[in-house]
Amino acid sequence: MARRLLILGSTGSIGTQALEIVARDPELELVGLSAERSADALIEQARRFGVDRLALADADAGARAAEAWTDGEVLVGAEGLVRLVLESGADLVLNALVGSAGLGPTVATLGEGIDLALANKESLVVGGELVMALAEGTGAQILPVDSEHSALHQLLAGEAPGTVDKLVLTASGGPFRGRTRAELAEVSIEDALAHPTWEMGGKITIDSATLMNKGLEVIEAHHLFGVGYDRIDVVVHPQSIVHSMITLCDGAALAHLGHPDMRVPISYALHHPDRVDVPLRALDLTEVGALTFEPVDHEAFPALGLARAAAIAGGTAPCVLNAANEIAVHAFLRERLSFLGIPAVIEGTLERLPAAPVRAFESLYEADREARAVAAELVEAWSERLLH
């Protein structure tokens, strides 16, 4: 029987690769697509796959799409994304939206008891405890799409409770692996966007360069797998062949290996519990030659430590961390903040807004708004320093 699939963020890197998989599999029936503001690309996808319901988060892009495309309905804004989920009749939603905008559709998906293929880290970083409680309450599955969490999902499947000592996430190290803090002071946007292994969008690529992506993944792993932060490690592995590892109570370790290709974890999430062929050459370790591992340089890359500290503080702290990071990264991409200014703005925002309890999603939205305002003030002060 066909699986009815809704893809949120279909014009991004994850979304476009997911559509490649859909095109090869008649058992996946596409029932809706969304994008932030790429109206032309979204309409082209809709025509190619015969989809009649679209959503655009950006109001202007939505208005343009509604004029240009008359073959179906265009929904607009955050409410439109949620409506698309609620009215889609989907069996599975792939949330590949970027940033905290993904939280609302995640809540809508799980609230309806629909299985969620999750590529939006921020849903769990911002609302982890509430999101996991919602999934448990409705019985909806969360299938991780990040390569590291997909690897852990597969490694943990065969292990009995109490046998796993640690989860080990691997990091490529990004484009600046091996550089000292002093050497990072003057790096350019072009340098930061030149990732050595993965092809990703701008925000995610900068997160990889600062290692904030790994901090967000630590928080995500904690919520997905119910493991304490003292039992989640990060190790730098520049070849990106080992995607994650678990260590066991008997001293053994299990690792998930493969070429760095996002089609593999996407396909795993879309077809779970089945596996299907992915057009990818098999891994040949003799061709790879050597696999190397290094500790994280926390002085040069403080973002990982900031994320871990916010995670341990709990409450609204991870939400504040995420919002400040989004503001800081966008400021860096607009040349209003230096590379080292990104963790400085995040640290300053966390200092100004200490962790508070989270009792409902509304407290998260309020913390997000406050954090963005504080981070924007700090960016402004940093910009003035750069000018003078």
Foldseek 3Di string as FASTA:
>chain_A
DAFEEEEEALVFPLNVLLVVVCVVDVSYQYAEYEHAQPLVVRVVVCVVRVYAEYEYQDPVSQVVNVVVDDRHDYAYHLVSLLVCLQPRPGQEYEQQDEAPSSQSNLLSCLQVLHAYAYPHLNNCLLPLVVSLVSNVVSVHHYQYLQLLVNFVVVVCPPDDPPWFQAKEAEALQFLQPPDALVVQFADALVSQQPGPADHGDSLVSNCSNLVLVVLSVLSSCCRNPVDDSVRYHYKYKNQCFFGIKIATPVGDIDTHGDGPDSSQSSQVSVDPPDHDDDPDDGDDVVVVPDIDIHHDPCNNRVSNVLSSVLSVQDARSSLLLRLLLVLLSVCSVVVLAGSVRNVVLSVVLCVVDPHDHDDDVVVSVVSSVSSNVSSVVSSVVRSVVVVD
